[in-house]
Amino acid sequence: MADAGNGHSAKVEPLRKPRPCSECGRPSQREHYPFCSDRCRNLDLSRWLKGSYAIPVVEDDSKADDGYE
């Protein structure tokens, strides 16, 4: 086992690269990744639950006349 007092420190790389919070732009925090706080995380969750992040669908009328009735 290595001696902790020998002056050598292990180089530990973070699990994820720090990114700005998608809600407010502040640096993200590990416990709330990719958000900076629980508040920003809950704001994003609220938008998902309300359907604000729905993908718009465009109806294609040309496929409606393909013989299926």
PDB file of N, CA and C in Angstrom:
ATOM      1  N   MET A   1       0.826  -1.181   0.000  1.00  0.00           N
ATOM      2  CA  MET A   1       0.000   0.000   0.000  1.00  0.00           C
ATOM      3  C   MET A   1       0.869   1.243   0.000  1.00  0.00           C
ATOM      4  N   ALA A   2       0.470   2.261  -0.721  1.00  0.00           N
ATOM      5  CA  ALA A   2       1.255   3.487  -0.814  1.00  0.00           C
ATOM      6  C   ALA A   2       1.096   4.325   0.439  1.00  0.00           C
ATOM      7  N   ASP A   3       2.167   5.000   0.799  1.00  0.00           N
ATOM      8  CA  ASP A   3       2.157   5.875   1.961  1.00  0.00           C
ATOM      9  C   ASP A   3       1.502   7.198   1.583  1.00  0.00           C
ATOM     10  N   ALA A   4       0.502   7.622   2.360  1.00  0.00           N
ATOM     11  CA  ALA A   4      -0.232   8.847   2.060  1.00  0.00           C
ATOM     12  C   ALA A   4       0.616  10.092   2.279  1.00  0.00           C
ATOM     13  N   GLY A   5       1.668  10.009   3.064  1.00  0.00           N
ATOM     14  CA  GLY A   5       2.481  11.173   3.378  1.00  0.00           C
ATOM     15  C   GLY A   5       3.733  11.290   2.531  1.00  0.00           C
ATOM     16  N   ASN A   6       3.824  10.573   1.408  1.00  0.00           N
ATOM     17  CA  ASN A   6       5.051  10.583   0.623  1.00  0.00           C
ATOM     18  C   ASN A   6       5.144  11.760  -0.346  1.00  0.00           C
ATOM     19  N   GLY A   7       4.127  12.608  -0.409  1.00  0.00           N
ATOM     20  CA  GLY A   7       4.183  13.781  -1.266  1.00  0.00           C
ATOM     21  C   GLY A   7       3.666  13.550  -2.671  1.00  0.00           C
ATOM     22  N   HIS A   8       3.379  12.330  -3.040  1.00  0.00           N
ATOM     23  CA  HIS A   8       2.846  12.034  -4.366  1.00  0.00           C
ATOM     24  C   HIS A   8       1.325  11.996  -4.294  1.00  0.00           C
ATOM     25  N   SER A   9       0.706  12.660  -5.233  1.00  0.00           N
ATOM     26  CA  SER A   9      -0.758  12.610  -5.268  1.00  0.00           C
ATOM     27  C   SER A   9      -1.195  11.968  -6.572  1.00  0.00           C
ATOM     28  N   ALA A  10      -2.216  11.187  -6.490  1.00  0.00           N
ATOM     29  CA  ALA A  10      -2.740  10.525  -7.675  1.00  0.00           C
ATOM     30  C   ALA A  10      -3.503  11.539  -8.517  1.00  0.00           C
ATOM     31  N   LYS A  11      -3.341  11.426  -9.823  1.00  0.00           N
ATOM     32  CA  LYS A  11      -4.076  12.309 -10.719  1.00  0.00           C
ATOM     33  C   LYS A  11      -5.442  11.668 -10.990  1.00  0.00           C
ATOM     34  N   VAL A  12      -6.473  12.311 -10.512  1.00  0.00           N
ATOM     35  CA  VAL A  12      -7.824  11.800 -10.662  1.00  0.00           C
ATOM     36  C   VAL A  12      -8.564  12.688 -11.650  1.00  0.00           C
ATOM     37  N   GLU A  13      -9.082  12.083 -12.705  1.00  0.00           N
ATOM     38  CA  GLU A  13      -9.841  12.838 -13.697  1.00  0.00           C
ATOM     39  C   GLU A  13     -11.319  12.796 -13.342  1.00  0.00           C
ATOM     40  N   PRO A  14     -12.036  13.899 -13.559  1.00  0.00           N
ATOM     41  CA  PRO A  14     -13.469  13.902 -13.262  1.00  0.00           C
ATOM     42  C   PRO A  14     -14.200  12.924 -14.170  1.00  0.00           C
ATOM     43  N   LEU A  15     -15.326  12.408 -13.680  1.00  0.00           N
ATOM     44  CA  LEU A  15     -16.121  11.459 -14.454  1.00  0.00           C
ATOM     45  C   LEU A  15     -16.720  12.105 -15.690  1.00  0.00           C
ATOM     46  N   ARG A  16     -17.150  13.347 -15.558  1.00  0.00           N
ATOM     47  CA  ARG A  16     -17.760  14.072 -16.667  1.00  0.00           C
ATOM     48  C   ARG A  16     -17.098  15.437 -16.802  1.00  0.00           C
ATOM     49  N   LYS A  17     -17.030  15.899 -18.024  1.00  0.00           N
ATOM     50  CA  LYS A  17     -16.482  17.221 -18.264  1.00  0.00           C
ATOM     51  C   LYS A  17     -17.474  18.266 -17.766  1.00  0.00           C
ATOM     52  N   PRO A  18     -17.035  19.277 -17.006  1.00  0.00           N
ATOM     53  CA  PRO A  18     -17.956  20.318 -16.529  1.00  0.00           C
ATOM     54  C   PRO A  18     -18.590  21.056 -17.705  1.00  0.00           C
ATOM     55  N   ARG A  19     -19.877  21.293 -17.603  1.00  0.00           N
ATOM     56  CA  ARG A  19     -20.620  22.004 -18.641  1.00  0.00           C
ATOM     57  C   ARG A  19     -21.460  23.073 -17.973  1.00  0.00           C
ATOM     58  N   PRO A  20     -21.855  24.093 -18.725  1.00  0.00           N
ATOM     59  CA  PRO A  20     -22.757  25.085 -18.145  1.00  0.00           C
ATOM     60  C   PRO A  20     -24.150  24.482 -17.960  1.00  0.00           C
ATOM     61  N   CYS A  21     -24.826  24.939 -16.941  1.00  0.00           N
ATOM     62  CA  CYS A  21     -26.196  24.506 -16.656  1.00  0.00           C
ATOM     63  C   CYS A  21     -27.084  24.895 -17.838  1.00  0.00           C
ATOM     64  N   SER A  22     -27.934  23.977 -18.262  1.00  0.00           N
ATOM     65  CA  SER A  22     -28.797  24.257 -19.414  1.00  0.00           C
ATOM     66  C   SER A  22     -29.926  25.231 -19.077  1.00  0.00           C
ATOM     67  N   GLU A  23     -30.165  25.471 -17.806  1.00  0.00           N
ATOM     68  CA  GLU A  23     -31.219  26.407 -17.394  1.00  0.00           C
ATOM     69  C   GLU A  23     -30.689  27.834 -17.215  1.00  0.00           C
ATOM     70  N   CYS A  24     -29.587  27.978 -16.478  1.00  0.00           N
ATOM     71  CA  CYS A  24     -29.131  29.327 -16.123  1.00  0.00           C
ATOM     72  C   CYS A  24     -27.726  29.665 -16.614  1.00  0.00           C
ATOM     73  N   GLY A  25     -26.954  28.681 -17.068  1.00  0.00           N
ATOM     74  CA  GLY A  25     -25.630  28.935 -17.599  1.00  0.00           C
ATOM     75  C   GLY A  25     -24.492  28.864 -16.592  1.00  0.00           C
ATOM     76  N   ARG A  26     -24.793  28.715 -15.299  1.00  0.00           N
ATOM     77  CA  ARG A  26     -23.727  28.583 -14.302  1.00  0.00           C
ATOM     78  C   ARG A  26     -23.065  27.209 -14.453  1.00  0.00           C
ATOM     79  N   PRO A  27     -21.862  27.026 -13.922  1.00  0.00           N
ATOM     80  CA  PRO A  27     -21.195  25.718 -14.021  1.00  0.00           C
ATOM     81  C   PRO A  27     -22.018  24.620 -13.333  1.00  0.00           C
ATOM     82  N   SER A  28     -22.086  23.461 -13.977  1.00  0.00           N
ATOM     83  CA  SER A  28     -22.858  22.350 -13.412  1.00  0.00           C
ATOM     84  C   SER A  28     -22.147  21.781 -12.186  1.00  0.00           C
ATOM     85  N   GLN A  29     -22.920  21.167 -11.321  1.00  0.00           N
ATOM     86  CA  GLN A  29     -22.400  20.538 -10.112  1.00  0.00           C
ATOM     87  C   GLN A  29     -22.556  19.032 -10.236  1.00  0.00           C
ATOM     88  N   ARG A  30     -21.626  18.303  -9.684  1.00  0.00           N
ATOM     89  CA  ARG A  30     -21.607  16.845  -9.811  1.00  0.00           C
ATOM     90  C   ARG A  30     -22.894  16.190  -9.327  1.00  0.00           C
ATOM     91  N   GLU A  31     -23.419  16.627  -8.197  1.00  0.00           N
ATOM     92  CA  GLU A  31     -24.613  15.986  -7.640  1.00  0.00           C
ATOM     93  C   GLU A  31     -25.898  16.328  -8.388  1.00  0.00           C
ATOM     94  N   HIS A  32     -25.874  17.343  -9.247  1.00  0.00           N
ATOM     95  CA  HIS A  32     -27.066  17.755 -10.000  1.00  0.00           C
ATOM     96  C   HIS A  32     -26.834  17.705 -11.508  1.00  0.00           C
ATOM     97  N   TYR A  33     -25.770  17.077 -11.963  1.00  0.00           N
ATOM     98  CA  TYR A  33     -25.358  17.080 -13.369  1.00  0.00           C
ATOM     99  C   TYR A  33     -26.501  16.706 -14.303  1.00  0.00           C
ATOM    100  N   PRO A  34     -26.728  17.427 -15.388  1.00  0.00           N
ATOM    101  CA  PRO A  34     -25.966  18.524 -15.969  1.00  0.00           C
ATOM    102  C   PRO A  34     -26.430  19.897 -15.504  1.00  0.00           C
ATOM    103  N   PHE A  35     -27.099  19.969 -14.371  1.00  0.00           N
ATOM    104  CA  PHE A  35     -27.599  21.237 -13.837  1.00  0.00           C
ATOM    105  C   PHE A  35     -26.703  21.716 -12.706  1.00  0.00           C
ATOM    106  N   CYS A  36     -26.915  22.971 -12.292  1.00  0.00           N
ATOM    107  CA  CYS A  36     -26.092  23.538 -11.223  1.00  0.00           C
ATOM    108  C   CYS A  36     -26.729  23.352  -9.849  1.00  0.00           C
ATOM    109  N   SER A  37     -28.040  23.140  -9.817  1.00  0.00           N
ATOM    110  CA  SER A  37     -28.720  23.035  -8.531  1.00  0.00           C
ATOM    111  C   SER A  37     -29.997  22.208  -8.673  1.00  0.00           C
ATOM    112  N   ASP A  38     -30.571  21.882  -7.538  1.00  0.00           N
ATOM    113  CA  ASP A  38     -31.826  21.145  -7.529  1.00  0.00           C
ATOM    114  C   ASP A  38     -32.949  21.992  -8.126  1.00  0.00           C
ATOM    115  N   ARG A  39     -32.874  23.302  -7.949  1.00  0.00           N
ATOM    116  CA  ARG A  39     -33.891  24.197  -8.507  1.00  0.00           C
ATOM    117  C   ARG A  39     -33.936  24.103 -10.029  1.00  0.00           C
ATOM    118  N   CYS A  40     -32.765  24.199 -10.674  1.00  0.00           N
ATOM    119  CA  CYS A  40     -32.715  24.120 -12.141  1.00  0.00           C
ATOM    120  C   CYS A  40     -33.140  22.735 -12.624  1.00  0.00           C
ATOM    121  N   ARG A  41     -32.777  21.698 -11.893  1.00  0.00           N
ATOM    122  CA  ARG A  41     -33.187  20.335 -12.248  1.00  0.00           C
ATOM    123  C   ARG A  41     -34.705  20.214 -12.206  1.00  0.00           C
ATOM    124  N   ASN A  42     -35.340  20.774 -11.171  1.00  0.00           N
ATOM    125  CA  ASN A  42     -36.794  20.700 -11.047  1.00  0.00           C
ATOM    126  C   ASN A  42     -37.518  21.541 -12.091  1.00  0.00           C
ATOM    127  N   LEU A  43     -36.938  22.674 -12.482  1.00  0.00           N
ATOM    128  CA  LEU A  43     -37.525  23.480 -13.556  1.00  0.00           C
ATOM    129  C   LEU A  43     -37.570  22.691 -14.858  1.00  0.00           C
ATOM    130  N   ASP A  44     -36.492  21.990 -15.167  1.00  0.00           N
ATOM    131  CA  ASP A  44     -36.436  21.185 -16.383  1.00  0.00           C
ATOM    132  C   ASP A  44     -37.425  20.026 -16.312  1.00  0.00           C
ATOM    133  N   LEU A  45     -37.506  19.366 -15.186  1.00  0.00           N
ATOM    134  CA  LEU A  45     -38.459  18.272 -15.009  1.00  0.00           C
ATOM    135  C   LEU A  45     -39.892  18.765 -15.173  1.00  0.00           C
ATOM    136  N   SER A  46     -40.181  19.928 -14.644  1.00  0.00           N
ATOM    137  CA  SER A  46     -41.513  20.516 -14.770  1.00  0.00           C
ATOM    138  C   SER A  46     -41.882  20.740 -16.236  1.00  0.00           C
ATOM    139  N   ARG A  47     -40.924  21.206 -17.020  1.00  0.00           N
ATOM    140  CA  ARG A  47     -41.185  21.404 -18.454  1.00  0.00           C
ATOM    141  C   ARG A  47     -41.470  20.087 -19.157  1.00  0.00           C
ATOM    142  N   TRP A  48     -40.745  19.035 -18.801  1.00  0.00           N
ATOM    143  CA  TRP A  48     -41.003  17.721 -19.390  1.00  0.00           C
ATOM    144  C   TRP A  48     -42.403  17.234 -19.033  1.00  0.00           C
ATOM    145  N   LEU A  49     -42.780  17.388 -17.770  1.00  0.00           N
ATOM    146  CA  LEU A  49     -44.078  16.881 -17.316  1.00  0.00           C
ATOM    147  C   LEU A  49     -45.251  17.658 -17.895  1.00  0.00           C
ATOM    148  N   LYS A  50     -45.048  18.944 -18.186  1.00  0.00           N
ATOM    149  CA  LYS A  50     -46.103  19.762 -18.788  1.00  0.00           C
ATOM    150  C   LYS A  50     -46.205  19.557 -20.291  1.00  0.00           C
ATOM    151  N   GLY A  51     -45.230  18.900 -20.907  1.00  0.00           N
ATOM    152  CA  GLY A  51     -45.245  18.666 -22.346  1.00  0.00           C
ATOM    153  C   GLY A  51     -44.620  19.777 -23.153  1.00  0.00           C
ATOM    154  N   SER A  52     -43.870  20.658 -22.528  1.00  0.00           N
ATOM    155  CA  SER A  52     -43.231  21.759 -23.245  1.00  0.00           C
ATOM    156  C   SER A  52     -42.145  21.288 -24.205  1.00  0.00           C
ATOM    157  N   TYR A  53     -41.589  20.113 -23.967  1.00  0.00           N
ATOM    158  CA  TYR A  53     -40.519  19.591 -24.803  1.00  0.00           C
ATOM    159  C   TYR A  53     -41.032  18.613 -25.857  1.00  0.00           C
ATOM    160  N   ALA A  54     -42.297  18.713 -26.249  1.00  0.00           N
ATOM    161  CA  ALA A  54     -42.865  17.809 -27.243  1.00  0.00           C
ATOM    162  C   ALA A  54     -42.260  18.085 -28.614  1.00  0.00           C
ATOM    163  N   ILE A  55     -42.090  17.041 -29.388  1.00  0.00           N
ATOM    164  CA  ILE A  55     -41.565  17.164 -30.746  1.00  0.00           C
ATOM    165  C   ILE A  55     -42.736  17.454 -31.675  1.00  0.00           C
ATOM    166  N   PRO A  56     -42.672  18.552 -32.424  1.00  0.00           N
ATOM    167  CA  PRO A  56     -43.784  18.887 -33.323  1.00  0.00           C
ATOM    168  C   PRO A  56     -43.883  17.871 -34.465  1.00  0.00           C
ATOM    169  N   VAL A  57     -45.123  17.525 -34.815  1.00  0.00           N
ATOM    170  CA  VAL A  57     -45.371  16.560 -35.883  1.00  0.00           C
ATOM    171  C   VAL A  57     -46.088  17.279 -37.015  1.00  0.00           C
ATOM    172  N   VAL A  58     -45.619  17.056 -38.234  1.00  0.00           N
ATOM    173  CA  VAL A  58     -46.236  17.648 -39.412  1.00  0.00           C
ATOM    174  C   VAL A  58     -46.993  16.535 -40.129  1.00  0.00           C
ATOM    175  N   GLU A  59     -48.273  16.742 -40.318  1.00  0.00           N
ATOM    176  CA  GLU A  59     -49.090  15.756 -41.020  1.00  0.00           C
ATOM    177  C   GLU A  59     -48.756  15.774 -42.503  1.00  0.00           C
ATOM    178  N   ASP A  60     -48.600  14.603 -43.099  1.00  0.00           N
ATOM    179  CA  ASP A  60     -48.315  14.483 -44.525  1.00  0.00           C
ATOM    180  C   ASP A  60     -49.565  13.975 -45.217  1.00  0.00           C
ATOM    181  N   ASP A  61     -50.270  14.851 -45.944  1.00  0.00           N
ATOM    182  CA  ASP A  61     -51.531  14.490 -46.589  1.00  0.00           C
ATOM    183  C   ASP A  61     -51.347  13.546 -47.774  1.00  0.00           C
ATOM    184  N   SER A  62     -50.162  13.476 -48.337  1.00  0.00           N
ATOM    185  CA  SER A  62     -49.947  12.596 -49.482  1.00  0.00           C
ATOM    186  C   SER A  62     -50.037  11.128 -49.079  1.00  0.00           C
ATOM    187  N   LYS A  63     -49.740  10.787 -47.848  1.00  0.00           N
ATOM    188  CA  LYS A  63     -49.825   9.397 -47.396  1.00  0.00           C
ATOM    189  C   LYS A  63     -51.249   9.019 -47.009  1.00  0.00           C
ATOM    190  N   ALA A  64     -52.128   9.991 -46.882  1.00  0.00           N
ATOM    191  CA  ALA A  64     -53.513   9.716 -46.502  1.00  0.00           C
ATOM    192  C   ALA A  64     -54.289   9.043 -47.640  1.00  0.00           C
ATOM    193  N   ASP A  65     -53.852   9.176 -48.881  1.00  0.00           N
ATOM    194  CA  ASP A  65     -54.532   8.609 -50.041  1.00  0.00           C
ATOM    195  C   ASP A  65     -53.867   7.328 -50.535  1.00  0.00           C
ATOM    196  N   ASP A  66     -53.313   6.523 -49.640  1.00  0.00           N
ATOM    197  CA  ASP A  66     -52.599   5.327 -50.078  1.00  0.00           C
ATOM    198  C   ASP A  66     -53.498   4.079 -50.148  1.00  0.00           C
ATOM    199  N   GLY A  67     -54.817   4.224 -49.981  1.00  0.00           N
ATOM    200  CA  GLY A  67     -55.729   3.114 -50.166  1.00  0.00           C
ATOM    201  C   GLY A  67     -56.228   2.483 -48.872  1.00  0.00           C
ATOM    202  N   TYR A  68     -55.689   2.885 -47.741  1.00  0.00           N
ATOM    203  CA  TYR A  68     -56.158   2.330 -46.460  1.00  0.00           C
ATOM    204  C   TYR A  68     -57.306   3.183 -45.943  1.00  0.00           C
ATOM    205  N   GLU A  69     -58.478   2.590 -45.801  1.00  0.00           N
ATOM    206  CA  GLU A  69     -59.618   3.337 -45.296  1.00  0.00           C
ATOM    207  C   GLU A  69     -60.338   2.561 -44.253  1.00  0.00           C
TER     208      GLU A  69
END
